[in-house]
Amino acid sequence: MENEFMAQVKQELEEYGKALGEAGQLQMIGLVSRVLGLFLLIFTLLLCALAVFTFAAVAIIDVLTECVPLWAASLIVGSLYIVLIILAIACRKPLFIHPFIKLLSKQIRSEEELALKIIEAEHKADVSRVRLYNHVENATREVTFYANLFTRAWDAVKRLLRRK
């Protein structure tokens, strides 16, 4: 009985540790993917800004000056890069965050799935903790019951011995 109880408590502790580890891992994936996604977004925006002032801008402006005035060609190229920057900001999750989530976790594809997995893992940890707490509570109650039973039996034996 005692070995069975200890094996069950050990199993509950293992499940609790695994559930906590899984919840921590998923939260770390979320944090790392957000940080890397933000870093890549900033890096991409910087590269787009540099590209505006270097290669494409000069080349396109030079080509457009044959058809339109120089100022109009500059406005067209500048507005094109502004649109690209706005698209990069608007699509930052599917372009930057979701690929890192998929890379760090082979089963999860989006931030929403990650949030659901985190909730599921935390729930598993809570259930394991409650089970473990109940096992300890039952064991404590059982030990207290037997201790009280033994104490009452001992008191009854002492009373019987005093009467004689």
N, C-alpha and C. Protein backbone atom coordinates (compact mmCIF):
# COMPACT_ATOMS: atom_id res chain seq x y z
N MET A 1 0.83 -1.19 0.00
CA MET A 1 0.00 0.00 0.00
C MET A 1 0.88 1.25 0.00
N GLU A 2 1.91 1.23 0.85
CA GLU A 2 2.77 2.41 0.96
C GLU A 2 3.59 2.61 -0.31
N ASN A 3 4.12 1.51 -0.86
CA ASN A 3 4.89 1.62 -2.11
C ASN A 3 4.00 2.08 -3.26
N GLU A 4 2.77 1.61 -3.26
CA GLU A 4 1.83 2.02 -4.29
C GLU A 4 1.54 3.52 -4.19
N PHE A 5 1.36 3.98 -2.96
CA PHE A 5 1.10 5.41 -2.75
C PHE A 5 2.30 6.25 -3.17
N MET A 6 3.49 5.82 -2.80
CA MET A 6 4.70 6.57 -3.17
C MET A 6 4.90 6.58 -4.68
N ALA A 7 4.60 5.46 -5.33
CA ALA A 7 4.72 5.41 -6.79
C ALA A 7 3.71 6.37 -7.43
N GLN A 8 2.52 6.41 -6.87
CA GLN A 8 1.51 7.31 -7.42
C GLN A 8 1.91 8.78 -7.20
N VAL A 9 2.43 9.11 -6.02
CA VAL A 9 2.88 10.48 -5.75
C VAL A 9 4.04 10.83 -6.67
N LYS A 10 4.95 9.88 -6.88
CA LYS A 10 6.07 10.13 -7.79
C LYS A 10 5.58 10.39 -9.20
N GLN A 11 4.61 9.60 -9.65
CA GLN A 11 4.06 9.79 -10.98
C GLN A 11 3.37 11.15 -11.09
N GLU A 12 2.64 11.55 -10.06
CA GLU A 12 1.97 12.86 -10.07
C GLU A 12 3.00 13.99 -10.11
N LEU A 13 4.09 13.83 -9.36
CA LEU A 13 5.14 14.85 -9.38
C LEU A 13 5.79 14.95 -10.76
N GLU A 14 6.02 13.82 -11.39
CA GLU A 14 6.58 13.82 -12.74
C GLU A 14 5.65 14.52 -13.72
N GLU A 15 4.35 14.22 -13.66
CA GLU A 15 3.38 14.86 -14.55
C GLU A 15 3.33 16.36 -14.30
N TYR A 16 3.38 16.75 -13.04
CA TYR A 16 3.35 18.17 -12.69
C TYR A 16 4.59 18.88 -13.23
N GLY A 17 5.75 18.25 -13.07
CA GLY A 17 6.99 18.84 -13.59
C GLY A 17 6.98 18.95 -15.10
N LYS A 18 6.48 17.92 -15.78
CA LYS A 18 6.39 17.97 -17.24
C LYS A 18 5.44 19.06 -17.70
N ALA A 19 4.30 19.18 -17.02
CA ALA A 19 3.32 20.20 -17.41
C ALA A 19 3.89 21.60 -17.20
N LEU A 20 4.58 21.81 -16.09
CA LEU A 20 5.22 23.11 -15.85
C LEU A 20 6.31 23.39 -16.87
N GLY A 21 7.08 22.36 -17.20
CA GLY A 21 8.13 22.53 -18.21
C GLY A 21 7.57 22.88 -19.57
N GLU A 22 6.48 22.22 -19.95
CA GLU A 22 5.85 22.50 -21.24
C GLU A 22 5.28 23.92 -21.28
N ALA A 23 4.64 24.33 -20.18
CA ALA A 23 4.10 25.69 -20.13
C ALA A 23 5.22 26.72 -20.22
N GLY A 24 6.31 26.48 -19.51
CA GLY A 24 7.45 27.39 -19.58
C GLY A 24 8.07 27.44 -20.96
N GLN A 25 8.19 26.29 -21.59
CA GLN A 25 8.77 26.23 -22.93
C GLN A 25 7.91 27.00 -23.93
N LEU A 26 6.60 26.83 -23.86
CA LEU A 26 5.71 27.54 -24.78
C LEU A 26 5.73 29.05 -24.54
N GLN A 27 5.80 29.45 -23.28
CA GLN A 27 5.90 30.88 -23.00
C GLN A 27 7.22 31.44 -23.50
N MET A 28 8.28 30.66 -23.39
CA MET A 28 9.59 31.11 -23.89
C MET A 28 9.56 31.22 -25.41
N ILE A 29 8.89 30.30 -26.08
CA ILE A 29 8.76 30.37 -27.54
C ILE A 29 8.04 31.66 -27.93
N GLY A 30 6.96 31.97 -27.21
CA GLY A 30 6.22 33.20 -27.50
C GLY A 30 7.08 34.43 -27.32
N LEU A 31 7.84 34.46 -26.24
CA LEU A 31 8.69 35.62 -25.96
C LEU A 31 9.80 35.75 -27.00
N VAL A 32 10.48 34.65 -27.28
CA VAL A 32 11.59 34.69 -28.24
C VAL A 32 11.09 35.06 -29.63
N SER A 33 9.94 34.51 -30.02
CA SER A 33 9.42 34.83 -31.36
C SER A 33 9.03 36.29 -31.47
N ARG A 34 8.47 36.85 -30.41
CA ARG A 34 8.14 38.29 -30.45
C ARG A 34 9.39 39.14 -30.54
N VAL A 35 10.40 38.80 -29.75
CA VAL A 35 11.64 39.57 -29.76
C VAL A 35 12.33 39.47 -31.12
N LEU A 36 12.45 38.26 -31.64
CA LEU A 36 13.09 38.08 -32.94
C LEU A 36 12.26 38.72 -34.07
N GLY A 37 10.94 38.61 -33.96
CA GLY A 37 10.09 39.23 -34.96
C GLY A 37 10.23 40.74 -34.96
N LEU A 38 10.29 41.32 -33.78
CA LEU A 38 10.48 42.77 -33.68
C LEU A 38 11.85 43.18 -34.20
N PHE A 39 12.87 42.38 -33.88
CA PHE A 39 14.21 42.67 -34.38
C PHE A 39 14.24 42.62 -35.91
N LEU A 40 13.64 41.59 -36.48
CA LEU A 40 13.62 41.48 -37.94
C LEU A 40 12.80 42.58 -38.59
N LEU A 41 11.72 42.98 -37.94
CA LEU A 41 10.92 44.08 -38.47
C LEU A 41 11.75 45.36 -38.52
N ILE A 42 12.44 45.66 -37.45
CA ILE A 42 13.29 46.85 -37.42
C ILE A 42 14.41 46.75 -38.44
N PHE A 43 15.02 45.59 -38.52
CA PHE A 43 16.10 45.38 -39.47
C PHE A 43 15.61 45.56 -40.91
N THR A 44 14.43 45.01 -41.20
CA THR A 44 13.85 45.14 -42.53
C THR A 44 13.52 46.60 -42.86
N LEU A 45 12.97 47.29 -41.89
CA LEU A 45 12.66 48.70 -42.11
C LEU A 45 13.93 49.52 -42.37
N LEU A 46 14.98 49.21 -41.66
CA LEU A 46 16.24 49.91 -41.89
C LEU A 46 16.80 49.61 -43.28
N LEU A 47 16.72 48.36 -43.68
CA LEU A 47 17.19 48.01 -45.02
C LEU A 47 16.35 48.68 -46.10
N CYS A 48 15.04 48.74 -45.88
CA CYS A 48 14.18 49.42 -46.85
C CYS A 48 14.53 50.91 -46.92
N ALA A 49 14.78 51.52 -45.77
CA ALA A 49 15.14 52.94 -45.75
C ALA A 49 16.47 53.17 -46.46
N LEU A 50 17.42 52.27 -46.25
CA LEU A 50 18.70 52.41 -46.95
C LEU A 50 18.54 52.22 -48.46
N ALA A 51 17.68 51.26 -48.82
CA ALA A 51 17.46 51.02 -50.24
C ALA A 51 16.81 52.23 -50.91
N VAL A 52 15.95 52.94 -50.17
CA VAL A 52 15.32 54.14 -50.72
C VAL A 52 16.37 55.16 -51.13
N PHE A 53 17.38 55.33 -50.30
CA PHE A 53 18.38 56.37 -50.55
C PHE A 53 19.55 55.91 -51.40
N THR A 54 19.55 54.65 -51.82
CA THR A 54 20.69 54.19 -52.62
C THR A 54 20.27 53.69 -53.99
N PHE A 55 20.35 52.38 -54.18
CA PHE A 55 20.24 51.78 -55.50
C PHE A 55 18.98 52.15 -56.28
N ALA A 56 17.86 51.65 -55.83
CA ALA A 56 16.64 51.76 -56.61
C ALA A 56 16.19 53.19 -56.80
N ALA A 57 16.32 53.98 -55.76
CA ALA A 57 15.84 55.37 -55.86
C ALA A 57 16.59 56.13 -56.94
N VAL A 58 17.87 56.03 -56.94
CA VAL A 58 18.67 56.77 -57.93
C VAL A 58 18.41 56.23 -59.33
N ALA A 59 18.34 54.92 -59.45
CA ALA A 59 18.14 54.33 -60.78
C ALA A 59 16.77 54.66 -61.35
N ILE A 60 15.74 54.51 -60.53
CA ILE A 60 14.38 54.77 -61.02
C ILE A 60 14.18 56.26 -61.31
N ILE A 61 14.71 57.09 -60.45
CA ILE A 61 14.59 58.53 -60.69
C ILE A 61 15.28 58.91 -61.99
N ASP A 62 16.42 58.32 -62.22
CA ASP A 62 17.15 58.61 -63.46
C ASP A 62 16.34 58.19 -64.69
N VAL A 63 15.69 57.04 -64.59
CA VAL A 63 14.88 56.56 -65.71
C VAL A 63 13.64 57.43 -65.89
N LEU A 64 12.99 57.80 -64.78
CA LEU A 64 11.75 58.58 -64.86
C LEU A 64 11.98 60.02 -65.30
N THR A 65 13.16 60.54 -65.14
CA THR A 65 13.41 61.92 -65.54
C THR A 65 13.32 62.12 -67.05
N GLU A 66 13.37 61.06 -67.79
CA GLU A 66 13.21 61.18 -69.23
C GLU A 66 11.76 61.47 -69.60
N CYS A 67 10.80 60.99 -68.76
CA CYS A 67 9.37 61.17 -69.07
C CYS A 67 8.72 62.30 -68.28
N VAL A 68 9.13 62.46 -67.01
CA VAL A 68 8.52 63.46 -66.12
C VAL A 68 9.63 64.31 -65.50
N PRO A 69 9.25 65.41 -64.88
CA PRO A 69 10.28 66.21 -64.22
C PRO A 69 10.93 65.45 -63.07
N LEU A 70 12.07 65.93 -62.65
CA LEU A 70 12.85 65.27 -61.60
C LEU A 70 12.07 65.18 -60.29
N TRP A 71 11.39 66.24 -59.89
CA TRP A 71 10.65 66.23 -58.63
C TRP A 71 9.52 65.20 -58.64
N ALA A 72 8.85 65.01 -59.77
CA ALA A 72 7.76 64.02 -59.87
C ALA A 72 8.32 62.60 -59.80
N ALA A 73 9.45 62.38 -60.44
CA ALA A 73 10.07 61.06 -60.37
C ALA A 73 10.48 60.73 -58.93
N SER A 74 11.00 61.71 -58.22
CA SER A 74 11.39 61.51 -56.82
C SER A 74 10.17 61.20 -55.95
N LEU A 75 9.08 61.88 -56.17
CA LEU A 75 7.85 61.62 -55.40
C LEU A 75 7.31 60.22 -55.67
N ILE A 76 7.35 59.79 -56.90
CA ILE A 76 6.85 58.45 -57.24
C ILE A 76 7.68 57.37 -56.53
N VAL A 77 8.97 57.47 -56.58
CA VAL A 77 9.84 56.47 -55.95
C VAL A 77 9.69 56.50 -54.43
N GLY A 78 9.64 57.70 -53.86
CA GLY A 78 9.47 57.81 -52.41
C GLY A 78 8.16 57.23 -51.93
N SER A 79 7.07 57.50 -52.66
CA SER A 79 5.78 56.95 -52.25
C SER A 79 5.74 55.43 -52.40
N LEU A 80 6.42 54.90 -53.38
CA LEU A 80 6.50 53.44 -53.54
C LEU A 80 7.16 52.79 -52.32
N TYR A 81 8.25 53.35 -51.84
CA TYR A 81 8.92 52.79 -50.67
C TYR A 81 8.12 53.01 -49.40
N ILE A 82 7.39 54.09 -49.31
CA ILE A 82 6.52 54.29 -48.15
C ILE A 82 5.43 53.23 -48.12
N VAL A 83 4.88 52.90 -49.26
CA VAL A 83 3.87 51.83 -49.34
C VAL A 83 4.48 50.49 -48.92
N LEU A 84 5.70 50.21 -49.35
CA LEU A 84 6.37 48.96 -48.94
C LEU A 84 6.60 48.92 -47.43
N ILE A 85 6.96 50.01 -46.84
CA ILE A 85 7.17 50.06 -45.38
C ILE A 85 5.85 49.84 -44.66
N ILE A 86 4.78 50.46 -45.14
CA ILE A 86 3.46 50.28 -44.52
C ILE A 86 3.02 48.81 -44.64
N LEU A 87 3.26 48.19 -45.77
CA LEU A 87 2.92 46.77 -45.93
C LEU A 87 3.73 45.89 -44.98
N ALA A 88 5.00 46.21 -44.80
CA ALA A 88 5.83 45.42 -43.87
C ALA A 88 5.32 45.55 -42.44
N ILE A 89 4.88 46.74 -42.06
CA ILE A 89 4.35 46.93 -40.70
C ILE A 89 3.00 46.23 -40.56
N ALA A 90 2.15 46.35 -41.56
CA ALA A 90 0.82 45.74 -41.50
C ALA A 90 0.88 44.21 -41.49
N CYS A 91 1.85 43.65 -42.17
CA CYS A 91 1.96 42.19 -42.27
C CYS A 91 3.07 41.63 -41.40
N ARG A 92 3.37 42.29 -40.29
CA ARG A 92 4.51 41.86 -39.48
C ARG A 92 4.29 40.49 -38.83
N LYS A 93 3.05 40.17 -38.43
CA LYS A 93 2.82 38.87 -37.81
C LYS A 93 3.03 37.72 -38.78
N PRO A 94 2.37 37.70 -39.94
CA PRO A 94 2.61 36.57 -40.85
C PRO A 94 3.99 36.56 -41.47
N LEU A 95 4.61 37.72 -41.57
CA LEU A 95 5.93 37.77 -42.20
C LEU A 95 7.08 37.48 -41.23
N PHE A 96 6.93 37.88 -39.96
CA PHE A 96 8.06 37.81 -39.04
C PHE A 96 7.80 36.95 -37.80
N ILE A 97 6.66 37.12 -37.14
CA ILE A 97 6.42 36.43 -35.87
C ILE A 97 6.02 34.97 -36.11
N HIS A 98 5.06 34.73 -36.99
CA HIS A 98 4.58 33.36 -37.22
C HIS A 98 5.67 32.41 -37.74
N PRO A 99 6.56 32.85 -38.63
CA PRO A 99 7.63 31.92 -39.04
C PRO A 99 8.55 31.51 -37.88
N PHE A 100 8.79 32.43 -36.94
CA PHE A 100 9.63 32.06 -35.80
C PHE A 100 8.90 31.12 -34.85
N ILE A 101 7.61 31.31 -34.68
CA ILE A 101 6.84 30.38 -33.86
C ILE A 101 6.88 29.00 -34.49
N LYS A 102 6.69 28.95 -35.80
CA LYS A 102 6.73 27.66 -36.51
C LYS A 102 8.12 27.04 -36.43
N LEU A 103 9.13 27.87 -36.50
CA LEU A 103 10.51 27.38 -36.44
C LEU A 103 10.85 26.83 -35.05
N LEU A 104 10.44 27.53 -34.00
CA LEU A 104 10.77 27.12 -32.64
C LEU A 104 9.90 25.97 -32.14
N SER A 105 8.70 25.85 -32.65
CA SER A 105 7.80 24.78 -32.26
C SER A 105 7.25 24.15 -33.53
N LYS A 106 7.49 22.89 -33.72
CA LYS A 106 7.15 22.24 -34.98
C LYS A 106 5.64 22.07 -35.18
N GLN A 107 4.84 22.12 -34.09
CA GLN A 107 3.41 21.87 -34.22
C GLN A 107 2.59 23.15 -34.32
N ILE A 108 3.09 24.24 -33.80
CA ILE A 108 2.31 25.47 -33.69
C ILE A 108 2.65 26.38 -34.87
N ARG A 109 1.62 26.97 -35.48
CA ARG A 109 1.83 27.78 -36.67
C ARG A 109 1.55 29.27 -36.48
N SER A 110 0.83 29.65 -35.44
CA SER A 110 0.49 31.07 -35.28
C SER A 110 0.51 31.45 -33.81
N GLU A 111 0.40 32.74 -33.58
CA GLU A 111 0.40 33.26 -32.21
C GLU A 111 -0.84 32.82 -31.46
N GLU A 112 -1.97 32.71 -32.14
CA GLU A 112 -3.21 32.28 -31.50
C GLU A 112 -3.11 30.83 -31.05
N GLU A 113 -2.56 29.97 -31.90
CA GLU A 113 -2.36 28.57 -31.51
C GLU A 113 -1.41 28.48 -30.32
N LEU A 114 -0.38 29.31 -30.32
CA LEU A 114 0.57 29.32 -29.22
C LEU A 114 -0.12 29.71 -27.92
N ALA A 115 -0.98 30.73 -27.96
CA ALA A 115 -1.71 31.14 -26.76
C ALA A 115 -2.60 30.02 -26.25
N LEU A 116 -3.26 29.30 -27.17
CA LEU A 116 -4.11 28.17 -26.75
C LEU A 116 -3.28 27.04 -26.14
N LYS A 117 -2.11 26.77 -26.73
CA LYS A 117 -1.23 25.72 -26.19
C LYS A 117 -0.72 26.11 -24.80
N ILE A 118 -0.41 27.39 -24.60
CA ILE A 118 0.05 27.85 -23.29
C ILE A 118 -1.05 27.66 -22.26
N ILE A 119 -2.28 28.01 -22.60
CA ILE A 119 -3.41 27.83 -21.68
C ILE A 119 -3.59 26.35 -21.36
N GLU A 120 -3.49 25.51 -22.37
CA GLU A 120 -3.64 24.07 -22.18
C GLU A 120 -2.55 23.52 -21.26
N ALA A 121 -1.31 23.95 -21.47
CA ALA A 121 -0.20 23.47 -20.64
C ALA A 121 -0.34 23.96 -19.20
N GLU A 122 -0.77 25.21 -19.02
CA GLU A 122 -0.98 25.71 -17.65
C GLU A 122 -2.11 24.96 -16.97
N HIS A 123 -3.15 24.60 -17.72
CA HIS A 123 -4.25 23.82 -17.16
C HIS A 123 -3.76 22.44 -16.71
N LYS A 124 -2.93 21.81 -17.55
CA LYS A 124 -2.36 20.51 -17.17
C LYS A 124 -1.57 20.62 -15.88
N ALA A 125 -0.78 21.69 -15.76
CA ALA A 125 0.02 21.89 -14.55
C ALA A 125 -0.88 22.09 -13.34
N ASP A 126 -1.95 22.85 -13.49
CA ASP A 126 -2.89 23.07 -12.39
C ASP A 126 -3.56 21.77 -11.96
N VAL A 127 -3.98 20.97 -12.94
CA VAL A 127 -4.63 19.69 -12.63
C VAL A 127 -3.66 18.77 -11.89
N SER A 128 -2.42 18.72 -12.34
CA SER A 128 -1.42 17.88 -11.68
C SER A 128 -1.16 18.36 -10.26
N ARG A 129 -1.10 19.68 -10.08
CA ARG A 129 -0.87 20.23 -8.74
C ARG A 129 -2.03 19.88 -7.81
N VAL A 130 -3.26 19.99 -8.30
CA VAL A 130 -4.43 19.66 -7.48
C VAL A 130 -4.43 18.18 -7.12
N ARG A 131 -4.11 17.32 -8.09
CA ARG A 131 -4.04 15.88 -7.80
C ARG A 131 -3.00 15.59 -6.74
N LEU A 132 -1.83 16.18 -6.89
CA LEU A 132 -0.76 15.97 -5.92
C LEU A 132 -1.18 16.47 -4.54
N TYR A 133 -1.80 17.63 -4.50
CA TYR A 133 -2.26 18.18 -3.23
C TYR A 133 -3.28 17.25 -2.58
N ASN A 134 -4.19 16.69 -3.38
CA ASN A 134 -5.20 15.77 -2.85
C ASN A 134 -4.56 14.49 -2.32
N HIS A 135 -3.54 13.98 -3.01
CA HIS A 135 -2.86 12.78 -2.51
C HIS A 135 -2.18 13.06 -1.17
N VAL A 136 -1.53 14.17 -1.07
CA VAL A 136 -0.87 14.52 0.19
C VAL A 136 -1.91 14.73 1.29
N GLU A 137 -3.00 15.39 0.94
CA GLU A 137 -4.07 15.63 1.92
C GLU A 137 -4.68 14.31 2.40
N ASN A 138 -4.91 13.38 1.47
CA ASN A 138 -5.45 12.07 1.85
C ASN A 138 -4.47 11.30 2.73
N ALA A 139 -3.19 11.34 2.38
CA ALA A 139 -2.20 10.65 3.20
C ALA A 139 -2.13 11.26 4.59
N THR A 140 -2.17 12.57 4.68
CA THR A 140 -2.15 13.23 5.98
C THR A 140 -3.38 12.86 6.80
N ARG A 141 -4.52 12.84 6.17
CA ARG A 141 -5.77 12.49 6.85
C ARG A 141 -5.70 11.04 7.33
N GLU A 142 -5.14 10.15 6.52
CA GLU A 142 -5.04 8.74 6.90
C GLU A 142 -4.10 8.56 8.08
N VAL A 143 -2.96 9.23 8.03
CA VAL A 143 -2.00 9.14 9.15
C VAL A 143 -2.63 9.71 10.43
N THR A 144 -3.33 10.81 10.30
CA THR A 144 -3.99 11.39 11.47
C THR A 144 -5.05 10.45 12.02
N PHE A 145 -5.81 9.80 11.14
CA PHE A 145 -6.83 8.86 11.57
C PHE A 145 -6.22 7.71 12.36
N TYR A 146 -5.14 7.11 11.80
CA TYR A 146 -4.51 5.99 12.50
C TYR A 146 -3.85 6.44 13.79
N ALA A 147 -3.28 7.61 13.80
CA ALA A 147 -2.67 8.12 15.03
C ALA A 147 -3.73 8.34 16.10
N ASN A 148 -4.86 8.91 15.73
CA ASN A 148 -5.95 9.11 16.69
C ASN A 148 -6.51 7.77 17.16
N LEU A 149 -6.66 6.83 16.24
CA LEU A 149 -7.15 5.50 16.60
C LEU A 149 -6.21 4.82 17.57
N PHE A 150 -4.91 4.89 17.28
CA PHE A 150 -3.92 4.29 18.18
C PHE A 150 -3.94 4.98 19.55
N THR A 151 -4.05 6.30 19.56
CA THR A 151 -4.09 7.04 20.83
C THR A 151 -5.31 6.67 21.64
N ARG A 152 -6.46 6.55 21.02
CA ARG A 152 -7.68 6.16 21.74
C ARG A 152 -7.58 4.72 22.26
N ALA A 153 -7.02 3.85 21.44
CA ALA A 153 -6.86 2.47 21.89
C ALA A 153 -5.89 2.41 23.07
N TRP A 154 -4.81 3.17 22.99
CA TRP A 154 -3.83 3.20 24.08
C TRP A 154 -4.45 3.78 25.34
N ASP A 155 -5.25 4.83 25.22
CA ASP A 155 -5.93 5.41 26.38
C ASP A 155 -6.92 4.41 26.98
N ALA A 156 -7.61 3.65 26.13
CA ALA A 156 -8.56 2.65 26.64
C ALA A 156 -7.82 1.54 27.38
N VAL A 157 -6.68 1.12 26.85
CA VAL A 157 -5.87 0.09 27.53
C VAL A 157 -5.38 0.63 28.86
N LYS A 158 -4.92 1.88 28.92
CA LYS A 158 -4.45 2.46 30.19
C LYS A 158 -5.57 2.55 31.21
N ARG A 159 -6.78 2.91 30.77
CA ARG A 159 -7.92 2.99 31.69
C ARG A 159 -8.26 1.60 32.24
N LEU A 160 -8.20 0.60 31.39
CA LEU A 160 -8.49 -0.76 31.84
C LEU A 160 -7.43 -1.25 32.85
N LEU A 161 -6.17 -0.86 32.61
CA LEU A 161 -5.11 -1.28 33.51
C LEU A 161 -5.22 -0.56 34.84
N ARG A 162 -5.69 0.67 34.88
CA ARG A 162 -5.86 1.40 36.12
C ARG A 162 -6.98 0.83 36.98
N ARG A 163 -8.01 0.33 36.38
CA ARG A 163 -9.16 -0.22 37.10
C ARG A 163 -8.80 -1.52 37.82
N LYS A 164 -7.86 -2.21 37.37
CA LYS A 164 -7.51 -3.51 37.97
C LYS A 164 -6.58 -3.35 39.09
